[in-house]
Amino acid sequence: MSACHTRLKQQGKTAVIQPLCNRTVKRDYDRYLYQARHLIENFFAHSSNIEGLPHAIDLRAINFLSAIYLAATFIWLN
């Protein structure tokens, strides 16, 4: 186990990223949080391809949230 994971475990935290399959010592991770993190990461990767969304950062927070909802709808429909 790496020093980073040892420190997280001492603080009472759970690793979210899935360990490599070829590790000799298997460590625990939260599978549900890993799936949620993966979905969020992919959402922002796909949303950068939607025209106009990166420029929404210049707008107010409510407009940016609306742009996120619109992008999520387009991704969901595809």
PDB file of N, CA and C in Angstrom:
ATOM      1  N   MET A   1       0.853  -1.168   0.000  1.00  0.00           N
ATOM      2  CA  MET A   1       0.000   0.000   0.000  1.00  0.00           C
ATOM      3  C   MET A   1       0.904   1.238   0.000  1.00  0.00           C
ATOM      4  N   SER A   2       0.535   2.218  -0.775  1.00  0.00           N
ATOM      5  CA  SER A   2       1.358   3.416  -0.891  1.00  0.00           C
ATOM      6  C   SER A   2       1.216   4.293   0.354  1.00  0.00           C
ATOM      7  N   ALA A   3       2.132   5.242   0.471  1.00  0.00           N
ATOM      8  CA  ALA A   3       2.105   6.159   1.612  1.00  0.00           C
ATOM      9  C   ALA A   3       0.840   7.008   1.600  1.00  0.00           C
ATOM     10  N   CYS A   4       0.386   7.352   0.406  1.00  0.00           N
ATOM     11  CA  CYS A   4      -0.833   8.156   0.282  1.00  0.00           C
ATOM     12  C   CYS A   4      -2.042   7.395   0.823  1.00  0.00           C
ATOM     13  N   HIS A   5      -2.150   6.120   0.459  1.00  0.00           N
ATOM     14  CA  HIS A   5      -3.287   5.325   0.918  1.00  0.00           C
ATOM     15  C   HIS A   5      -3.201   5.041   2.416  1.00  0.00           C
ATOM     16  N   THR A   6      -1.982   4.871   2.919  1.00  0.00           N
ATOM     17  CA  THR A   6      -1.810   4.664   4.353  1.00  0.00           C
ATOM     18  C   THR A   6      -2.261   5.895   5.128  1.00  0.00           C
ATOM     19  N   ARG A   7      -1.901   7.065   4.632  1.00  0.00           N
ATOM     20  CA  ARG A   7      -2.293   8.313   5.295  1.00  0.00           C
ATOM     21  C   ARG A   7      -3.812   8.499   5.257  1.00  0.00           C
ATOM     22  N   LEU A   8      -4.430   8.184   4.111  1.00  0.00           N
ATOM     23  CA  LEU A   8      -5.890   8.285   4.017  1.00  0.00           C
ATOM     24  C   LEU A   8      -6.570   7.352   5.006  1.00  0.00           C
ATOM     25  N   LYS A   9      -6.040   6.131   5.120  1.00  0.00           N
ATOM     26  CA  LYS A   9      -6.638   5.153   6.024  1.00  0.00           C
ATOM     27  C   LYS A   9      -6.507   5.605   7.479  1.00  0.00           C
ATOM     28  N   GLN A  10      -5.375   6.231   7.830  1.00  0.00           N
ATOM     29  CA  GLN A  10      -5.183   6.736   9.189  1.00  0.00           C
ATOM     30  C   GLN A  10      -6.168   7.853   9.511  1.00  0.00           C
ATOM     31  N   GLN A  11      -6.567   8.607   8.498  1.00  0.00           N
ATOM     32  CA  GLN A  11      -7.520   9.696   8.694  1.00  0.00           C
ATOM     33  C   GLN A  11      -8.965   9.207   8.645  1.00  0.00           C
ATOM     34  N   GLY A  12      -9.158   7.908   8.429  1.00  0.00           N
ATOM     35  CA  GLY A  12     -10.502   7.349   8.402  1.00  0.00           C
ATOM     36  C   GLY A  12     -11.223   7.544   7.085  1.00  0.00           C
ATOM     37  N   LYS A  13     -10.462   7.750   6.016  1.00  0.00           N
ATOM     38  CA  LYS A  13     -11.057   7.979   4.702  1.00  0.00           C
ATOM     39  C   LYS A  13     -10.923   6.733   3.844  1.00  0.00           C
ATOM     40  N   THR A  14     -11.787   6.627   2.838  1.00  0.00           N
ATOM     41  CA  THR A  14     -11.784   5.489   1.933  1.00  0.00           C
ATOM     42  C   THR A  14     -11.323   5.932   0.559  1.00  0.00           C
ATOM     43  N   ALA A  15     -10.455   5.143  -0.045  1.00  0.00           N
ATOM     44  CA  ALA A  15     -10.002   5.446  -1.400  1.00  0.00           C
ATOM     45  C   ALA A  15     -11.159   5.252  -2.364  1.00  0.00           C
ATOM     46  N   VAL A  16     -11.262   6.134  -3.338  1.00  0.00           N
ATOM     47  CA  VAL A  16     -12.367   6.076  -4.288  1.00  0.00           C
ATOM     48  C   VAL A  16     -11.926   5.432  -5.594  1.00  0.00           C
ATOM     49  N   ILE A  17     -10.670   5.604  -5.973  1.00  0.00           N
ATOM     50  CA  ILE A  17     -10.190   5.098  -7.251  1.00  0.00           C
ATOM     51  C   ILE A  17      -9.898   3.608  -7.135  1.00  0.00           C
ATOM     52  N   GLN A  18     -10.328   2.869  -8.123  1.00  0.00           N
ATOM     53  CA  GLN A  18     -10.173   1.424  -8.151  1.00  0.00           C
ATOM     54  C   GLN A  18      -8.692   1.052  -8.237  1.00  0.00           C
ATOM     55  N   PRO A  19      -8.240   0.045  -7.447  1.00  0.00           N
ATOM     56  CA  PRO A  19      -6.841  -0.370  -7.527  1.00  0.00           C
ATOM     57  C   PRO A  19      -6.577  -1.149  -8.817  1.00  0.00           C
ATOM     58  N   LEU A  20      -5.318  -1.199  -9.205  1.00  0.00           N
ATOM     59  CA  LEU A  20      -4.949  -1.965 -10.393  1.00  0.00           C
ATOM     60  C   LEU A  20      -5.184  -3.447 -10.146  1.00  0.00           C
ATOM     61  N   CYS A  21      -5.529  -4.176 -11.188  1.00  0.00           N
ATOM     62  CA  CYS A  21      -5.871  -5.591 -11.029  1.00  0.00           C
ATOM     63  C   CYS A  21      -4.640  -6.461 -10.784  1.00  0.00           C
ATOM     64  N   ASN A  22      -3.432  -5.981 -11.111  1.00  0.00           N
ATOM     65  CA  ASN A  22      -2.240  -6.811 -10.952  1.00  0.00           C
ATOM     66  C   ASN A  22      -1.526  -6.587  -9.618  1.00  0.00           C
ATOM     67  N   ARG A  23      -2.154  -5.918  -8.677  1.00  0.00           N
ATOM     68  CA  ARG A  23      -1.558  -5.688  -7.359  1.00  0.00           C
ATOM     69  C   ARG A  23      -1.574  -6.982  -6.548  1.00  0.00           C
ATOM     70  N   THR A  24      -0.500  -7.224  -5.816  1.00  0.00           N
ATOM     71  CA  THR A  24      -0.455  -8.430  -4.984  1.00  0.00           C
ATOM     72  C   THR A  24      -1.291  -8.245  -3.721  1.00  0.00           C
ATOM     73  N   VAL A  25      -1.294  -7.030  -3.180  1.00  0.00           N
ATOM     74  CA  VAL A  25      -2.106  -6.734  -2.001  1.00  0.00           C
ATOM     75  C   VAL A  25      -3.322  -5.945  -2.466  1.00  0.00           C
ATOM     76  N   LYS A  26      -4.472  -6.557  -2.330  1.00  0.00           N
ATOM     77  CA  LYS A  26      -5.711  -5.901  -2.746  1.00  0.00           C
ATOM     78  C   LYS A  26      -6.169  -4.947  -1.649  1.00  0.00           C
ATOM     79  N   ARG A  27      -6.597  -3.759  -2.041  1.00  0.00           N
ATOM     80  CA  ARG A  27      -7.105  -2.799  -1.067  1.00  0.00           C
ATOM     81  C   ARG A  27      -8.578  -2.532  -1.347  1.00  0.00           C
ATOM     82  N   ASP A  28      -9.260  -2.107  -0.323  1.00  0.00           N
ATOM     83  CA  ASP A  28     -10.688  -1.809  -0.451  1.00  0.00           C
ATOM     84  C   ASP A  28     -10.886  -0.426  -1.057  1.00  0.00           C
ATOM     85  N   TYR A  29     -11.984  -0.280  -1.758  1.00  0.00           N
ATOM     86  CA  TYR A  29     -12.399   1.019  -2.281  1.00  0.00           C
ATOM     87  C   TYR A  29     -13.910   1.016  -2.347  1.00  0.00           C
ATOM     88  N   ASP A  30     -14.481   2.195  -2.359  1.00  0.00           N
ATOM     89  CA  ASP A  30     -15.931   2.340  -2.402  1.00  0.00           C
ATOM     90  C   ASP A  30     -16.389   2.282  -3.858  1.00  0.00           C
ATOM     91  N   ARG A  31     -16.969   1.174  -4.243  1.00  0.00           N
ATOM     92  CA  ARG A  31     -17.361   0.949  -5.634  1.00  0.00           C
ATOM     93  C   ARG A  31     -18.430   1.943  -6.093  1.00  0.00           C
ATOM     94  N   TYR A  32     -19.374   2.276  -5.214  1.00  0.00           N
ATOM     95  CA  TYR A  32     -20.438   3.214  -5.573  1.00  0.00           C
ATOM     96  C   TYR A  32     -19.871   4.610  -5.825  1.00  0.00           C
ATOM     97  N   LEU A  33     -18.983   5.072  -4.943  1.00  0.00           N
ATOM     98  CA  LEU A  33     -18.370   6.387  -5.135  1.00  0.00           C
ATOM     99  C   LEU A  33     -17.494   6.409  -6.378  1.00  0.00           C
ATOM    100  N   TYR A  34     -16.836   5.277  -6.675  1.00  0.00           N
ATOM    101  CA  TYR A  34     -16.005   5.205  -7.874  1.00  0.00           C
ATOM    102  C   TYR A  34     -16.871   5.376  -9.129  1.00  0.00           C
ATOM    103  N   GLN A  35     -18.026   4.720  -9.164  1.00  0.00           N
ATOM    104  CA  GLN A  35     -18.923   4.840 -10.317  1.00  0.00           C
ATOM    105  C   GLN A  35     -19.462   6.259 -10.442  1.00  0.00           C
ATOM    106  N   ALA A  36     -19.811   6.879  -9.325  1.00  0.00           N
ATOM    107  CA  ALA A  36     -20.317   8.252  -9.355  1.00  0.00           C
ATOM    108  C   ALA A  36     -19.230   9.214  -9.827  1.00  0.00           C
ATOM    109  N   ARG A  37     -18.002   9.045  -9.346  1.00  0.00           N
ATOM    110  CA  ARG A  37     -16.889   9.894  -9.764  1.00  0.00           C
ATOM    111  C   ARG A  37     -16.627   9.733 -11.249  1.00  0.00           C
ATOM    112  N   HIS A  38     -16.725   8.503 -11.734  1.00  0.00           N
ATOM    113  CA  HIS A  38     -16.500   8.225 -13.154  1.00  0.00           C
ATOM    114  C   HIS A  38     -17.562   8.914 -14.019  1.00  0.00           C
ATOM    115  N   LEU A  39     -18.816   8.858 -13.596  1.00  0.00           N
ATOM    116  CA  LEU A  39     -19.890   9.518 -14.345  1.00  0.00           C
ATOM    117  C   LEU A  39     -19.696  11.030 -14.394  1.00  0.00           C
ATOM    118  N   ILE A  40     -19.319  11.614 -13.267  1.00  0.00           N
ATOM    119  CA  ILE A  40     -19.104  13.063 -13.224  1.00  0.00           C
ATOM    120  C   ILE A  40     -17.922  13.455 -14.098  1.00  0.00           C
ATOM    121  N   GLU A  41     -16.848  12.674 -14.027  1.00  0.00           N
ATOM    122  CA  GLU A  41     -15.667  12.967 -14.846  1.00  0.00           C
ATOM    123  C   GLU A  41     -16.001  12.885 -16.334  1.00  0.00           C
ATOM    124  N   ASN A  42     -16.752  11.864 -16.727  1.00  0.00           N
ATOM    125  CA  ASN A  42     -17.141  11.724 -18.133  1.00  0.00           C
ATOM    126  C   ASN A  42     -18.100  12.827 -18.568  1.00  0.00           C
ATOM    127  N   PHE A  43     -18.975  13.261 -17.665  1.00  0.00           N
ATOM    128  CA  PHE A  43     -19.895  14.343 -18.007  1.00  0.00           C
ATOM    129  C   PHE A  43     -19.128  15.593 -18.398  1.00  0.00           C
ATOM    130  N   PHE A  44     -18.137  15.970 -17.591  1.00  0.00           N
ATOM    131  CA  PHE A  44     -17.382  17.176 -17.903  1.00  0.00           C
ATOM    132  C   PHE A  44     -16.491  16.984 -19.121  1.00  0.00           C
ATOM    133  N   ALA A  45     -16.042  15.759 -19.384  1.00  0.00           N
ATOM    134  CA  ALA A  45     -15.266  15.509 -20.597  1.00  0.00           C
ATOM    135  C   ALA A  45     -16.153  15.677 -21.829  1.00  0.00           C
ATOM    136  N   HIS A  46     -17.397  15.184 -21.762  1.00  0.00           N
ATOM    137  CA  HIS A  46     -18.316  15.316 -22.896  1.00  0.00           C
ATOM    138  C   HIS A  46     -18.855  16.739 -23.025  1.00  0.00           C
ATOM    139  N   SER A  47     -19.037  17.403 -21.903  1.00  0.00           N
ATOM    140  CA  SER A  47     -19.615  18.743 -21.962  1.00  0.00           C
ATOM    141  C   SER A  47     -18.654  19.750 -22.576  1.00  0.00           C
ATOM    142  N   SER A  48     -17.360  19.456 -22.566  1.00  0.00           N
ATOM    143  CA  SER A  48     -16.412  20.379 -23.189  1.00  0.00           C
ATOM    144  C   SER A  48     -16.544  20.360 -24.708  1.00  0.00           C
ATOM    145  N   ASN A  49     -17.172  19.319 -25.255  1.00  0.00           N
ATOM    146  CA  ASN A  49     -17.385  19.233 -26.697  1.00  0.00           C
ATOM    147  C   ASN A  49     -18.611  20.017 -27.149  1.00  0.00           C
ATOM    148  N   ILE A  50     -19.470  20.390 -26.220  1.00  0.00           N
ATOM    149  CA  ILE A  50     -20.683  21.119 -26.564  1.00  0.00           C
ATOM    150  C   ILE A  50     -20.333  22.592 -26.718  1.00  0.00           C
ATOM    151  N   GLU A  51     -20.669  23.141 -27.853  1.00  0.00           N
ATOM    152  CA  GLU A  51     -20.296  24.521 -28.161  1.00  0.00           C
ATOM    153  C   GLU A  51     -21.002  25.493 -27.222  1.00  0.00           C
ATOM    154  N   GLY A  52     -20.262  26.428 -26.711  1.00  0.00           N
ATOM    155  CA  GLY A  52     -20.826  27.465 -25.866  1.00  0.00           C
ATOM    156  C   GLY A  52     -20.738  27.188 -24.384  1.00  0.00           C
ATOM    157  N   LEU A  53     -20.605  25.943 -23.988  1.00  0.00           N
ATOM    158  CA  LEU A  53     -20.559  25.653 -22.559  1.00  0.00           C
ATOM    159  C   LEU A  53     -19.279  26.159 -21.900  1.00  0.00           C
ATOM    160  N   PRO A  54     -18.109  25.997 -22.512  1.00  0.00           N
ATOM    161  CA  PRO A  54     -16.912  26.552 -21.851  1.00  0.00           C
ATOM    162  C   PRO A  54     -16.978  28.061 -21.675  1.00  0.00           C
ATOM    163  N   HIS A  55     -17.697  28.753 -22.546  1.00  0.00           N
ATOM    164  CA  HIS A  55     -17.810  30.201 -22.426  1.00  0.00           C
ATOM    165  C   HIS A  55     -18.803  30.604 -21.343  1.00  0.00           C
ATOM    166  N   ALA A  56     -19.556  29.650 -20.830  1.00  0.00           N
ATOM    167  CA  ALA A  56     -20.538  29.953 -19.792  1.00  0.00           C
ATOM    168  C   ALA A  56     -19.866  30.276 -18.462  1.00  0.00           C
ATOM    169  N   ILE A  57     -18.580  29.979 -18.353  1.00  0.00           N
ATOM    170  CA  ILE A  57     -17.860  30.301 -17.123  1.00  0.00           C
ATOM    171  C   ILE A  57     -17.846  31.810 -16.900  1.00  0.00           C
ATOM    172  N   ASP A  58     -17.856  32.572 -17.990  1.00  0.00           N
ATOM    173  CA  ASP A  58     -17.832  34.026 -17.883  1.00  0.00           C
ATOM    174  C   ASP A  58     -19.159  34.590 -17.374  1.00  0.00           C
ATOM    175  N   LEU A  59     -20.189  33.783 -17.379  1.00  0.00           N
ATOM    176  CA  LEU A  59     -21.512  34.257 -16.991  1.00  0.00           C
ATOM    177  C   LEU A  59     -21.718  34.108 -15.489  1.00  0.00           C
ATOM    178  N   ARG A  60     -22.865  34.510 -15.019  1.00  0.00           N
ATOM    179  CA  ARG A  60     -23.201  34.349 -13.608  1.00  0.00           C
ATOM    180  C   ARG A  60     -23.429  32.876 -13.297  1.00  0.00           C
ATOM    181  N   ALA A  61     -23.429  32.542 -12.024  1.00  0.00           N
ATOM    182  CA  ALA A  61     -23.539  31.155 -11.583  1.00  0.00           C
ATOM    183  C   ALA A  61     -24.852  30.519 -12.039  1.00  0.00           C
ATOM    184  N   ILE A  62     -25.945  31.258 -11.995  1.00  0.00           N
ATOM    185  CA  ILE A  62     -27.236  30.687 -12.386  1.00  0.00           C
ATOM    186  C   ILE A  62     -27.256  30.360 -13.871  1.00  0.00           C
ATOM    187  N   ASN A  63     -26.614  31.187 -14.681  1.00  0.00           N
ATOM    188  CA  ASN A  63     -26.541  30.905 -16.110  1.00  0.00           C
ATOM    189  C   ASN A  63     -25.641  29.707 -16.382  1.00  0.00           C
ATOM    190  N   PHE A  64     -24.557  29.592 -15.617  1.00  0.00           N
ATOM    191  CA  PHE A  64     -23.662  28.453 -15.786  1.00  0.00           C
ATOM    192  C   PHE A  64     -24.379  27.163 -15.410  1.00  0.00           C
ATOM    193  N   LEU A  65     -25.157  27.194 -14.327  1.00  0.00           N
ATOM    194  CA  LEU A  65     -25.914  26.017 -13.917  1.00  0.00           C
ATOM    195  C   LEU A  65     -26.933  25.639 -14.984  1.00  0.00           C
ATOM    196  N   SER A  66     -27.560  26.614 -15.597  1.00  0.00           N
ATOM    197  CA  SER A  66     -28.502  26.344 -16.684  1.00  0.00           C
ATOM    198  C   SER A  66     -27.791  25.698 -17.862  1.00  0.00           C
ATOM    199  N   ALA A  67     -26.584  26.156 -18.163  1.00  0.00           N
ATOM    200  CA  ALA A  67     -25.812  25.564 -19.253  1.00  0.00           C
ATOM    201  C   ALA A  67     -25.434  24.124 -18.928  1.00  0.00           C
ATOM    202  N   ILE A  68     -25.117  23.849 -17.675  1.00  0.00           N
ATOM    203  CA  ILE A  68     -24.808  22.476 -17.251  1.00  0.00           C
ATOM    204  C   ILE A  68     -26.037  21.588 -17.424  1.00  0.00           C
ATOM    205  N   TYR A  69     -27.209  22.079 -17.014  1.00  0.00           N
ATOM    206  CA  TYR A  69     -28.443  21.306 -17.181  1.00  0.00           C
ATOM    207  C   TYR A  69     -28.730  21.040 -18.655  1.00  0.00           C
ATOM    208  N   LEU A  70     -28.519  22.029 -19.481  1.00  0.00           N
ATOM    209  CA  LEU A  70     -28.755  21.874 -20.911  1.00  0.00           C
ATOM    210  C   LEU A  70     -27.794  20.852 -21.508  1.00  0.00           C
ATOM    211  N   ALA A  71     -26.530  20.932 -21.128  1.00  0.00           N
ATOM    212  CA  ALA A  71     -25.539  19.971 -21.623  1.00  0.00           C
ATOM    213  C   ALA A  71     -25.859  18.563 -21.133  1.00  0.00           C
ATOM    214  N   ALA A  72     -26.291  18.440 -19.880  1.00  0.00           N
ATOM    215  CA  ALA A  72     -26.651  17.125 -19.345  1.00  0.00           C
ATOM    216  C   ALA A  72     -27.835  16.541 -20.098  1.00  0.00           C
ATOM    217  N   THR A  73     -28.776  17.382 -20.479  1.00  0.00           N
ATOM    218  CA  THR A  73     -29.929  16.914 -21.252  1.00  0.00           C
ATOM    219  C   THR A  73     -29.497  16.402 -22.614  1.00  0.00           C
ATOM    220  N   PHE A  74     -28.608  17.134 -23.286  1.00  0.00           N
ATOM    221  CA  PHE A  74     -28.118  16.682 -24.592  1.00  0.00           C
ATOM    222  C   PHE A  74     -27.370  15.360 -24.478  1.00  0.00           C
ATOM    223  N   ILE A  75     -26.536  15.228 -23.455  1.00  0.00           N
ATOM    224  CA  ILE A  75     -25.788  13.984 -23.267  1.00  0.00           C
ATOM    225  C   ILE A  75     -26.749  12.848 -22.951  1.00  0.00           C
ATOM    226  N   TRP A  76     -27.761  13.102 -22.130  1.00  0.00           N
ATOM    227  CA  TRP A  76     -28.723  12.074 -21.767  1.00  0.00           C
ATOM    228  C   TRP A  76     -29.536  11.624 -22.978  1.00  0.00           C
ATOM    229  N   LEU A  77     -29.886  12.561 -23.862  1.00  0.00           N
ATOM    230  CA  LEU A  77     -30.676  12.216 -25.045  1.00  0.00           C
ATOM    231  C   LEU A  77     -29.873  11.405 -26.061  1.00  0.00           C
ATOM    232  N   ASN A  78     -28.570  11.587 -26.069  1.00  0.00           N
ATOM    233  CA  ASN A  78     -27.735  10.795 -26.992  1.00  0.00           C
ATOM    234  C   ASN A  78     -27.543   9.449 -26.399  1.00  0.00           C
TER     235      ASN A  78
END
